[in-house]
């Protein structure tokens, strides 16, 4: 029976999970609710398990459904990867490779990859944009770049393929002269809320007015990571920074890592992934760059 499972059924199941209802999944897939229900019912028959509890107003994942969800995501991600590789092999080399890079990604890693890229593709100029949050994805959606390296946006829009590259550590820090630096033990969130938090400005309409990681009602918003770094060093607030950007400051005692509730010592692991339009994946030059950056994974982690 498992041989009868189709990618369409798996995509329909995933749409129902992500959208929260069969009717919403139908709107996303441009299908009727009955067609979505039929596809999921057929998938359940092939699998021999019930994926959704339909007794309430909205379908809820069963235990079996929750268990299989990660596998379904992995299968569809692998299919997108196959499509991307196939396109790269079949198409010609791009006349230019445009990439948007998350501000949290180690730029020295990208620079090292660019040195090799210049030798591999001497006729393909590289155009880079550095952005954060939704601005790392908008240029992909509107076709301005081949792919993005994104990590600061927790949820990606539909229609995008993604491949994990590496991860970076994200730490909460403050200047040694800041009042929070003298706090003994774990700092409760209500204490954080009493101090100015330095936050990157979101220059994207995609995530406008949405907050990510903001824990204080008092915020100062800065346009780039370098400005945020300078303000942190001057004790003007506390905030999160990728560990590779503040390592020297921590060692010199200019900045200190803050111990925060629910955040492990050393910071959180922020996954960096290559993001591209699933229907228009990168060509040979973009594919080479993605694979090259994947090769940095062990060194970064």
C-alpha atoms as a PDB file:
ATOM      1  CA  UNK A   1       0.000   0.000   0.000  1.00  0.00           C
ATOM      2  CA  UNK A   2       2.903   2.376   0.651  1.00  0.00           C
ATOM      3  CA  UNK A   3       3.748   2.333  -3.080  1.00  0.00           C
ATOM      4  CA  UNK A   4       0.522   4.246  -3.716  1.00  0.00           C
ATOM      5  CA  UNK A   5       1.637   7.301  -1.749  1.00  0.00           C
ATOM      6  CA  UNK A   6       2.095  10.362  -3.949  1.00  0.00           C
ATOM      7  CA  UNK A   7       3.995  13.599  -3.418  1.00  0.00           C
ATOM      8  CA  UNK A   8       0.718  15.427  -3.957  1.00  0.00           C
ATOM      9  CA  UNK A   9      -0.820  13.620  -0.979  1.00  0.00           C
ATOM     10  CA  UNK A  10       2.181  14.487   1.191  1.00  0.00           C
ATOM     11  CA  UNK A  11       2.067  18.152   0.144  1.00  0.00           C
ATOM     12  CA  UNK A  12      -1.665  18.241   0.879  1.00  0.00           C
ATOM     13  CA  UNK A  13      -1.076  16.753   4.337  1.00  0.00           C
ATOM     14  CA  UNK A  14       1.635  19.328   5.051  1.00  0.00           C
ATOM     15  CA  UNK A  15      -0.575  22.173   3.845  1.00  0.00           C
ATOM     16  CA  UNK A  16      -3.372  21.040   6.180  1.00  0.00           C
ATOM     17  CA  UNK A  17      -0.945  20.962   9.114  1.00  0.00           C
ATOM     18  CA  UNK A  18       0.574  24.368   8.346  1.00  0.00           C
ATOM     19  CA  UNK A  19      -2.756  26.073   7.621  1.00  0.00           C
ATOM     20  CA  UNK A  20      -4.696  24.496  10.504  1.00  0.00           C
ATOM     21  CA  UNK A  21      -7.728  23.312   8.523  1.00  0.00           C
ATOM     22  CA  UNK A  22      -8.699  21.476   5.347  1.00  0.00           C
ATOM     23  CA  UNK A  23     -10.501  24.530   3.983  1.00  0.00           C
ATOM     24  CA  UNK A  24      -7.464  26.778   4.496  1.00  0.00           C
ATOM     25  CA  UNK A  25      -5.244  24.137   2.903  1.00  0.00           C
ATOM     26  CA  UNK A  26      -7.632  24.094  -0.050  1.00  0.00           C
ATOM     27  CA  UNK A  27      -7.300  27.843  -0.482  1.00  0.00           C
ATOM     28  CA  UNK A  28      -3.524  27.585  -0.380  1.00  0.00           C
ATOM     29  CA  UNK A  29      -3.513  24.775  -2.954  1.00  0.00           C
ATOM     30  CA  UNK A  30      -6.369  26.223  -5.052  1.00  0.00           C
ATOM     31  CA  UNK A  31      -8.527  23.162  -4.396  1.00  0.00           C
ATOM     32  CA  UNK A  32     -11.859  22.454  -2.808  1.00  0.00           C
ATOM     33  CA  UNK A  33     -12.070  21.361   0.814  1.00  0.00           C
ATOM     34  CA  UNK A  34     -13.518  18.027  -0.314  1.00  0.00           C
ATOM     35  CA  UNK A  35     -10.513  17.428  -2.598  1.00  0.00           C
ATOM     36  CA  UNK A  36      -8.136  18.084   0.298  1.00  0.00           C
ATOM     37  CA  UNK A  37     -10.129  15.795   2.580  1.00  0.00           C
ATOM     38  CA  UNK A  38     -10.142  13.048  -0.055  1.00  0.00           C
ATOM     39  CA  UNK A  39      -6.376  13.301  -0.629  1.00  0.00           C
ATOM     40  CA  UNK A  40      -5.651  13.065   3.105  1.00  0.00           C
ATOM     41  CA  UNK A  41      -8.102  10.188   3.512  1.00  0.00           C
ATOM     42  CA  UNK A  42      -6.363   8.308   0.704  1.00  0.00           C
ATOM     43  CA  UNK A  43      -2.987   8.969   2.325  1.00  0.00           C
ATOM     44  CA  UNK A  44      -4.288   7.616   5.646  1.00  0.00           C
ATOM     45  CA  UNK A  45      -5.505   4.491   3.871  1.00  0.00           C
ATOM     46  CA  UNK A  46      -2.120   3.913   2.244  1.00  0.00           C
ATOM     47  CA  UNK A  47      -0.282   4.496   5.521  1.00  0.00           C
ATOM     48  CA  UNK A  48      -2.721   2.488   7.627  1.00  0.00           C
ATOM     49  CA  UNK A  49      -2.894   5.171  10.325  1.00  0.00           C
ATOM     50  CA  UNK A  50      -5.189   8.094  11.157  1.00  0.00           C
ATOM     51  CA  UNK A  51      -3.342  11.378  10.737  1.00  0.00           C
ATOM     52  CA  UNK A  52      -6.034  13.793  11.947  1.00  0.00           C
ATOM     53  CA  UNK A  53      -8.629  13.736  14.693  1.00  0.00           C
ATOM     54  CA  UNK A  54     -11.707  15.189  12.998  1.00  0.00           C
ATOM     55  CA  UNK A  55     -14.034  15.168  16.019  1.00  0.00           C
ATOM     56  CA  UNK A  56     -13.655  18.898  16.747  1.00  0.00           C
ATOM     57  CA  UNK A  57     -14.281  22.031  14.738  1.00  0.00           C
ATOM     58  CA  UNK A  58     -10.771  21.911  13.306  1.00  0.00           C
ATOM     59  CA  UNK A  59      -8.744  18.774  12.514  1.00  0.00           C
ATOM     60  CA  UNK A  60      -5.997  18.034  15.031  1.00  0.00           C
ATOM     61  CA  UNK A  61      -2.957  15.871  14.453  1.00  0.00           C
ATOM     62  CA  UNK A  62      -3.083  12.470  16.100  1.00  0.00           C
ATOM     63  CA  UNK A  63      -0.018  11.027  17.795  1.00  0.00           C
ATOM     64  CA  UNK A  64       0.749   9.100  14.610  1.00  0.00           C
ATOM     65  CA  UNK A  65       0.340  12.276  12.570  1.00  0.00           C
ATOM     66  CA  UNK A  66       2.771  14.190  14.773  1.00  0.00           C
ATOM     67  CA  UNK A  67       5.291  11.366  14.533  1.00  0.00           C
ATOM     68  CA  UNK A  68       5.133  11.226  10.735  1.00  0.00           C
ATOM     69  CA  UNK A  69       5.140  15.002  10.208  1.00  0.00           C
ATOM     70  CA  UNK A  70       8.928  15.380  10.429  1.00  0.00           C
ATOM     71  CA  UNK A  71       9.403  12.506   7.979  1.00  0.00           C
ATOM     72  CA  UNK A  72       7.015  14.116   5.504  1.00  0.00           C
ATOM     73  CA  UNK A  73       8.852  17.425   5.713  1.00  0.00           C
ATOM     74  CA  UNK A  74      12.146  15.645   5.128  1.00  0.00           C
ATOM     75  CA  UNK A  75      10.813  13.744   2.103  1.00  0.00           C
ATOM     76  CA  UNK A  76       9.498  16.913   0.453  1.00  0.00           C
ATOM     77  CA  UNK A  77      12.686  18.805   1.263  1.00  0.00           C
ATOM     78  CA  UNK A  78      14.720  16.019  -0.372  1.00  0.00           C
ATOM     79  CA  UNK A  79      12.536  16.170  -3.471  1.00  0.00           C
ATOM     80  CA  UNK A  80      13.102  19.921  -3.726  1.00  0.00           C
ATOM     81  CA  UNK A  81      16.829  19.291  -3.406  1.00  0.00           C
ATOM     82  CA  UNK A  82      16.713  16.746  -6.262  1.00  0.00           C
ATOM     83  CA  UNK A  83      14.873  19.273  -8.437  1.00  0.00           C
ATOM     84  CA  UNK A  84      17.471  21.904  -7.614  1.00  0.00           C
ATOM     85  CA  UNK A  85      20.370  19.626  -8.502  1.00  0.00           C
ATOM     86  CA  UNK A  86      18.721  18.487 -11.727  1.00  0.00           C
ATOM     87  CA  UNK A  87      18.165  22.054 -12.860  1.00  0.00           C
ATOM     88  CA  UNK A  88      21.771  22.905 -12.101  1.00  0.00           C
ATOM     89  CA  UNK A  89      23.022  20.027 -14.236  1.00  0.00           C
ATOM     90  CA  UNK A  90      20.688  20.785 -17.131  1.00  0.00           C
ATOM     91  CA  UNK A  91      20.994  24.555 -17.338  1.00  0.00           C
ATOM     92  CA  UNK A  92      23.773  26.866 -18.383  1.00  0.00           C
ATOM     93  CA  UNK A  93      25.899  28.931 -15.998  1.00  0.00           C
ATOM     94  CA  UNK A  94      24.256  32.098 -14.706  1.00  0.00           C
ATOM     95  CA  UNK A  95      25.519  35.398 -16.207  1.00  0.00           C
ATOM     96  CA  UNK A  96      25.522  36.804 -12.639  1.00  0.00           C
ATOM     97  CA  UNK A  97      25.018  35.269  -9.200  1.00  0.00           C
ATOM     98  CA  UNK A  98      23.034  37.524  -6.873  1.00  0.00           C
ATOM     99  CA  UNK A  99      22.751  36.412  -3.231  1.00  0.00           C
ATOM    100  CA  UNK A 100      21.277  38.044  -0.138  1.00  0.00           C
ATOM    101  CA  UNK A 101      23.128  37.170   3.072  1.00  0.00           C
ATOM    102  CA  UNK A 102      21.758  37.205   6.600  1.00  0.00           C
ATOM    103  CA  UNK A 103      23.612  39.762   8.688  1.00  0.00           C
ATOM    104  CA  UNK A 104      24.244  37.047  11.282  1.00  0.00           C
ATOM    105  CA  UNK A 105      26.157  34.797   8.853  1.00  0.00           C
ATOM    106  CA  UNK A 106      29.989  34.892   9.281  1.00  0.00           C
ATOM    107  CA  UNK A 107      31.110  37.076   6.392  1.00  0.00           C
ATOM    108  CA  UNK A 108      34.638  35.643   6.494  1.00  0.00           C
ATOM    109  CA  UNK A 109      33.215  32.222   5.636  1.00  0.00           C
ATOM    110  CA  UNK A 110      31.447  33.694   2.628  1.00  0.00           C
ATOM    111  CA  UNK A 111      34.565  35.601   1.577  1.00  0.00           C
ATOM    112  CA  UNK A 112      36.618  32.389   1.618  1.00  0.00           C
ATOM    113  CA  UNK A 113      33.984  30.674  -0.540  1.00  0.00           C
ATOM    114  CA  UNK A 114      33.978  33.673  -2.894  1.00  0.00           C
ATOM    115  CA  UNK A 115      37.711  33.292  -3.486  1.00  0.00           C
ATOM    116  CA  UNK A 116      37.145  29.771  -4.796  1.00  0.00           C
ATOM    117  CA  UNK A 117      34.023  30.871  -6.665  1.00  0.00           C
ATOM    118  CA  UNK A 118      36.071  33.388  -8.661  1.00  0.00           C
ATOM    119  CA  UNK A 119      38.333  30.583  -9.858  1.00  0.00           C
ATOM    120  CA  UNK A 120      35.476  28.202 -10.632  1.00  0.00           C
ATOM    121  CA  UNK A 121      33.274  30.766 -12.418  1.00  0.00           C
ATOM    122  CA  UNK A 122      35.555  33.568 -13.669  1.00  0.00           C
ATOM    123  CA  UNK A 123      32.880  34.874 -16.039  1.00  0.00           C
ATOM    124  CA  UNK A 124      30.137  35.103 -13.402  1.00  0.00           C
ATOM    125  CA  UNK A 125      30.228  38.239 -11.225  1.00  0.00           C
ATOM    126  CA  UNK A 126      28.958  37.937  -7.654  1.00  0.00           C
ATOM    127  CA  UNK A 127      26.459  40.458  -6.281  1.00  0.00           C
ATOM    128  CA  UNK A 128      25.832  40.366  -2.512  1.00  0.00           C
ATOM    129  CA  UNK A 129      23.219  42.055  -0.334  1.00  0.00           C
ATOM    130  CA  UNK A 130      23.368  41.939   3.478  1.00  0.00           C
ATOM    131  CA  UNK A 131      19.986  42.013   5.250  1.00  0.00           C
ATOM    132  CA  UNK A 132      18.094  40.693   8.292  1.00  0.00           C
ATOM    133  CA  UNK A 133      14.715  39.124   9.078  1.00  0.00           C
ATOM    134  CA  UNK A 134      12.170  39.353   6.258  1.00  0.00           C
ATOM    135  CA  UNK A 135      14.561  41.367   4.084  1.00  0.00           C
ATOM    136  CA  UNK A 136      16.616  38.184   3.592  1.00  0.00           C
ATOM    137  CA  UNK A 137      13.644  36.554   1.866  1.00  0.00           C
ATOM    138  CA  UNK A 138      11.876  39.347  -0.023  1.00  0.00           C
ATOM    139  CA  UNK A 139      14.550  39.534  -2.765  1.00  0.00           C
ATOM    140  CA  UNK A 140      14.118  35.785  -3.315  1.00  0.00           C
ATOM    141  CA  UNK A 141      10.355  36.072  -3.633  1.00  0.00           C
ATOM    142  CA  UNK A 142      10.516  38.917  -6.137  1.00  0.00           C
ATOM    143  CA  UNK A 143      13.284  37.289  -8.193  1.00  0.00           C
ATOM    144  CA  UNK A 144      16.057  39.816  -7.514  1.00  0.00           C
ATOM    145  CA  UNK A 145      18.453  37.140  -6.221  1.00  0.00           C
ATOM    146  CA  UNK A 146      19.135  33.496  -6.970  1.00  0.00           C
ATOM    147  CA  UNK A 147      19.050  32.473  -3.316  1.00  0.00           C
ATOM    148  CA  UNK A 148      19.483  33.823   0.182  1.00  0.00           C
ATOM    149  CA  UNK A 149      21.379  32.706   3.246  1.00  0.00           C
ATOM    150  CA  UNK A 150      18.755  33.152   5.931  1.00  0.00           C
ATOM    151  CA  UNK A 151      18.642  32.403   9.619  1.00  0.00           C
ATOM    152  CA  UNK A 152      17.023  35.297  11.463  1.00  0.00           C
ATOM    153  CA  UNK A 153      13.516  34.684  10.077  1.00  0.00           C
ATOM    154  CA  UNK A 154      11.809  31.836  12.012  1.00  0.00           C
ATOM    155  CA  UNK A 155       9.069  31.081   9.456  1.00  0.00           C
ATOM    156  CA  UNK A 156       9.440  31.118   5.667  1.00  0.00           C
ATOM    157  CA  UNK A 157       6.647  31.850   3.166  1.00  0.00           C
ATOM    158  CA  UNK A 158       5.192  29.168   0.909  1.00  0.00           C
ATOM    159  CA  UNK A 159       6.831  28.285  -2.395  1.00  0.00           C
ATOM    160  CA  UNK A 160      10.397  28.355  -1.120  1.00  0.00           C
ATOM    161  CA  UNK A 161      12.910  25.532  -1.055  1.00  0.00           C
ATOM    162  CA  UNK A 162      15.500  25.399   1.684  1.00  0.00           C
ATOM    163  CA  UNK A 163      18.714  23.550   2.475  1.00  0.00           C
ATOM    164  CA  UNK A 164      20.574  23.629   5.763  1.00  0.00           C
ATOM    165  CA  UNK A 165      24.050  25.134   5.554  1.00  0.00           C
ATOM    166  CA  UNK A 166      25.360  25.491   9.104  1.00  0.00           C
ATOM    167  CA  UNK A 167      24.483  27.117  12.408  1.00  0.00           C
ATOM    168  CA  UNK A 168      25.820  30.077  14.367  1.00  0.00           C
ATOM    169  CA  UNK A 169      25.632  30.798  18.077  1.00  0.00           C
ATOM    170  CA  UNK A 170      23.434  33.713  19.103  1.00  0.00           C
ATOM    171  CA  UNK A 171      24.245  35.229  22.511  1.00  0.00           C
ATOM    172  CA  UNK A 172      22.656  37.848  24.767  1.00  0.00           C
ATOM    173  CA  UNK A 173      25.291  40.383  25.806  1.00  0.00           C
ATOM    174  CA  UNK A 174      25.779  43.770  27.443  1.00  0.00           C
ATOM    175  CA  UNK A 175      28.725  46.044  28.173  1.00  0.00           C
ATOM    176  CA  UNK A 176      30.722  45.352  31.321  1.00  0.00           C
ATOM    177  CA  UNK A 177      29.562  48.736  32.619  1.00  0.00           C
ATOM    178  CA  UNK A 178      25.867  47.950  32.076  1.00  0.00           C
ATOM    179  CA  UNK A 179      23.775  47.300  35.233  1.00  0.00           C
ATOM    180  CA  UNK A 180      22.743  43.856  33.975  1.00  0.00           C
ATOM    181  CA  UNK A 181      26.400  42.789  33.792  1.00  0.00           C
ATOM    182  CA  UNK A 182      26.568  42.926  37.606  1.00  0.00           C
ATOM    183  CA  UNK A 183      23.533  40.679  38.079  1.00  0.00           C
ATOM    184  CA  UNK A 184      24.340  37.479  39.929  1.00  0.00           C
ATOM    185  CA  UNK A 185      22.753  34.295  38.642  1.00  0.00           C
ATOM    186  CA  UNK A 186      20.052  33.952  36.022  1.00  0.00           C
ATOM    187  CA  UNK A 187      18.414  37.239  35.034  1.00  0.00           C
ATOM    188  CA  UNK A 188      14.608  37.021  35.118  1.00  0.00           C
ATOM    189  CA  UNK A 189      12.752  38.366  32.109  1.00  0.00           C
ATOM    190  CA  UNK A 190      10.988  40.994  34.199  1.00  0.00           C
ATOM    191  CA  UNK A 191      14.409  42.477  35.032  1.00  0.00           C
ATOM    192  CA  UNK A 192      15.371  42.532  31.337  1.00  0.00           C
ATOM    193  CA  UNK A 193      12.179  44.462  30.646  1.00  0.00           C
ATOM    194  CA  UNK A 194      13.408  47.295  32.866  1.00  0.00           C
ATOM    195  CA  UNK A 195      16.320  48.047  30.537  1.00  0.00           C
ATOM    196  CA  UNK A 196      16.599  49.216  26.933  1.00  0.00           C
ATOM    197  CA  UNK A 197      16.933  46.371  24.435  1.00  0.00           C
ATOM    198  CA  UNK A 198      18.867  47.073  21.250  1.00  0.00           C
ATOM    199  CA  UNK A 199      17.031  45.592  18.257  1.00  0.00           C
ATOM    200  CA  UNK A 200      17.748  45.482  14.533  1.00  0.00           C
ATOM    201  CA  UNK A 201      15.322  47.477  12.406  1.00  0.00           C
ATOM    202  CA  UNK A 202      13.208  45.289  10.125  1.00  0.00           C
ATOM    203  CA  UNK A 203      13.378  46.845   6.649  1.00  0.00           C
ATOM    204  CA  UNK A 204      10.985  44.315   5.159  1.00  0.00           C
ATOM    205  CA  UNK A 205       7.274  44.587   4.442  1.00  0.00           C
ATOM    206  CA  UNK A 206       7.142  40.800   4.760  1.00  0.00           C
ATOM    207  CA  UNK A 207       7.606  40.916   8.539  1.00  0.00           C
ATOM    208  CA  UNK A 208       6.582  44.502   9.244  1.00  0.00           C
ATOM    209  CA  UNK A 209       5.246  45.070  12.773  1.00  0.00           C
ATOM    210  CA  UNK A 210       6.162  41.518  13.820  1.00  0.00           C
ATOM    211  CA  UNK A 211       8.521  41.091  16.756  1.00  0.00           C
ATOM    212  CA  UNK A 212      11.204  38.410  17.001  1.00  0.00           C
ATOM    213  CA  UNK A 213      13.075  37.977  20.279  1.00  0.00           C
ATOM    214  CA  UNK A 214      11.960  41.306  21.754  1.00  0.00           C
ATOM    215  CA  UNK A 215      11.716  40.965  25.554  1.00  0.00           C
ATOM    216  CA  UNK A 216      11.627  44.597  26.674  1.00  0.00           C
ATOM    217  CA  UNK A 217       8.947  47.231  26.073  1.00  0.00           C
ATOM    218  CA  UNK A 218      11.763  49.783  25.785  1.00  0.00           C
ATOM    219  CA  UNK A 219      13.699  49.309  22.550  1.00  0.00           C
ATOM    220  CA  UNK A 220      16.200  51.242  20.506  1.00  0.00           C
ATOM    221  CA  UNK A 221      16.182  50.141  16.859  1.00  0.00           C
ATOM    222  CA  UNK A 222      19.314  50.228  14.756  1.00  0.00           C
ATOM    223  CA  UNK A 223      19.722  49.856  11.016  1.00  0.00           C
ATOM    224  CA  UNK A 224      22.664  47.436  10.972  1.00  0.00           C
ATOM    225  CA  UNK A 225      24.655  45.034  13.098  1.00  0.00           C
ATOM    226  CA  UNK A 226      27.726  47.290  13.265  1.00  0.00           C
ATOM    227  CA  UNK A 227      25.685  50.091  14.819  1.00  0.00           C
ATOM    228  CA  UNK A 228      24.166  47.654  17.298  1.00  0.00           C
ATOM    229  CA  UNK A 229      27.640  46.415  18.218  1.00  0.00           C
ATOM    230  CA  UNK A 230      28.877  49.965  18.851  1.00  0.00           C
ATOM    231  CA  UNK A 231      25.843  50.819  20.994  1.00  0.00           C
ATOM    232  CA  UNK A 232      26.328  47.645  23.036  1.00  0.00           C
ATOM    233  CA  UNK A 233      29.978  48.485  23.679  1.00  0.00           C
ATOM    234  CA  UNK A 234      28.932  51.937  24.880  1.00  0.00           C
ATOM    235  CA  UNK A 235      26.489  50.508  27.428  1.00  0.00           C
ATOM    236  CA  UNK A 236      23.402  51.938  25.723  1.00  0.00           C
ATOM    237  CA  UNK A 237      21.423  48.734  26.085  1.00  0.00           C
ATOM    238  CA  UNK A 238      21.515  44.954  25.970  1.00  0.00           C
ATOM    239  CA  UNK A 239      20.832  42.655  23.037  1.00  0.00           C
ATOM    240  CA  UNK A 240      21.554  39.519  21.048  1.00  0.00           C
ATOM    241  CA  UNK A 241      24.586  39.148  18.793  1.00  0.00           C
ATOM    242  CA  UNK A 242      26.121  36.273  16.805  1.00  0.00           C
ATOM    243  CA  UNK A 243      28.980  34.933  18.890  1.00  0.00           C
ATOM    244  CA  UNK A 244      31.635  35.324  16.175  1.00  0.00           C
ATOM    245  CA  UNK A 245      31.072  39.103  16.162  1.00  0.00           C
ATOM    246  CA  UNK A 246      31.602  39.562  19.909  1.00  0.00           C
ATOM    247  CA  UNK A 247      34.160  36.864  20.729  1.00  0.00           C
ATOM    248  CA  UNK A 248      37.068  39.318  21.015  1.00  0.00           C
ATOM    249  CA  UNK A 249      34.982  41.687  23.144  1.00  0.00           C
ATOM    250  CA  UNK A 250      34.023  38.878  25.529  1.00  0.00           C
ATOM    251  CA  UNK A 251      37.638  37.776  25.880  1.00  0.00           C
ATOM    252  CA  UNK A 252      38.782  41.362  26.507  1.00  0.00           C
ATOM    253  CA  UNK A 253      36.019  41.970  29.055  1.00  0.00           C
ATOM    254  CA  UNK A 254      34.369  44.757  27.079  1.00  0.00           C
ATOM    255  CA  UNK A 255      31.163  42.727  26.820  1.00  0.00           C
ATOM    256  CA  UNK A 256      29.750  40.018  29.076  1.00  0.00           C
ATOM    257  CA  UNK A 257      27.321  37.220  28.287  1.00  0.00           C
ATOM    258  CA  UNK A 258      24.051  37.605  30.194  1.00  0.00           C
ATOM    259  CA  UNK A 259      22.487  34.568  31.820  1.00  0.00           C
ATOM    260  CA  UNK A 260      18.851  34.633  30.707  1.00  0.00           C
ATOM    261  CA  UNK A 261      15.894  32.428  31.556  1.00  0.00           C
ATOM    262  CA  UNK A 262      15.350  29.663  28.945  1.00  0.00           C
ATOM    263  CA  UNK A 263      18.585  30.494  27.089  1.00  0.00           C
ATOM    264  CA  UNK A 264      21.486  28.056  27.579  1.00  0.00           C
ATOM    265  CA  UNK A 265      25.001  29.216  28.406  1.00  0.00           C
ATOM    266  CA  UNK A 266      26.862  29.990  25.216  1.00  0.00           C
ATOM    267  CA  UNK A 267      23.699  31.078  23.443  1.00  0.00           C
ATOM    268  CA  UNK A 268      21.211  29.518  21.058  1.00  0.00           C
ATOM    269  CA  UNK A 269      22.090  27.667  17.855  1.00  0.00           C
ATOM    270  CA  UNK A 270      20.672  29.623  14.916  1.00  0.00           C
ATOM    271  CA  UNK A 271      20.263  27.502  11.797  1.00  0.00           C
ATOM    272  CA  UNK A 272      21.460  29.094   8.569  1.00  0.00           C
ATOM    273  CA  UNK A 273      19.864  27.802   5.394  1.00  0.00           C
ATOM    274  CA  UNK A 274      19.966  28.454   1.682  1.00  0.00           C
ATOM    275  CA  UNK A 275      16.527  29.636   0.557  1.00  0.00           C
ATOM    276  CA  UNK A 276      15.355  29.818  -3.058  1.00  0.00           C
ATOM    277  CA  UNK A 277      12.176  29.681  -5.105  1.00  0.00           C
ATOM    278  CA  UNK A 278      11.212  26.002  -5.336  1.00  0.00           C
ATOM    279  CA  UNK A 279       9.955  26.520  -8.892  1.00  0.00           C
ATOM    280  CA  UNK A 280      13.165  28.298  -9.940  1.00  0.00           C
ATOM    281  CA  UNK A 281      16.132  26.841  -8.017  1.00  0.00           C
ATOM    282  CA  UNK A 282      19.708  28.105  -8.464  1.00  0.00           C
ATOM    283  CA  UNK A 283      21.687  27.201 -11.558  1.00  0.00           C
ATOM    284  CA  UNK A 284      25.211  25.707 -11.635  1.00  0.00           C
ATOM    285  CA  UNK A 285      27.006  28.686 -10.062  1.00  0.00           C
ATOM    286  CA  UNK A 286      24.430  29.062  -7.286  1.00  0.00           C
ATOM    287  CA  UNK A 287      24.400  25.307  -6.708  1.00  0.00           C
ATOM    288  CA  UNK A 288      28.198  25.309  -6.424  1.00  0.00           C
ATOM    289  CA  UNK A 289      28.090  28.113  -3.850  1.00  0.00           C
ATOM    290  CA  UNK A 290      25.444  26.329  -1.757  1.00  0.00           C
ATOM    291  CA  UNK A 291      27.432  23.076  -1.724  1.00  0.00           C
ATOM    292  CA  UNK A 292      30.626  24.980  -0.893  1.00  0.00           C
ATOM    293  CA  UNK A 293      28.966  26.653   2.089  1.00  0.00           C
ATOM    294  CA  UNK A 294      27.638  23.291   3.261  1.00  0.00           C
ATOM    295  CA  UNK A 295      31.277  22.203   3.384  1.00  0.00           C
ATOM    296  CA  UNK A 296      31.882  24.822   6.088  1.00  0.00           C
ATOM    297  CA  UNK A 297      29.370  23.133   8.415  1.00  0.00           C
ATOM    298  CA  UNK A 298      31.798  21.060  10.447  1.00  0.00           C
ATOM    299  CA  UNK A 299      34.186  23.957  10.977  1.00  0.00           C
ATOM    300  CA  UNK A 300      31.422  26.292  12.130  1.00  0.00           C
ATOM    301  CA  UNK A 301      29.699  23.808  14.432  1.00  0.00           C
END
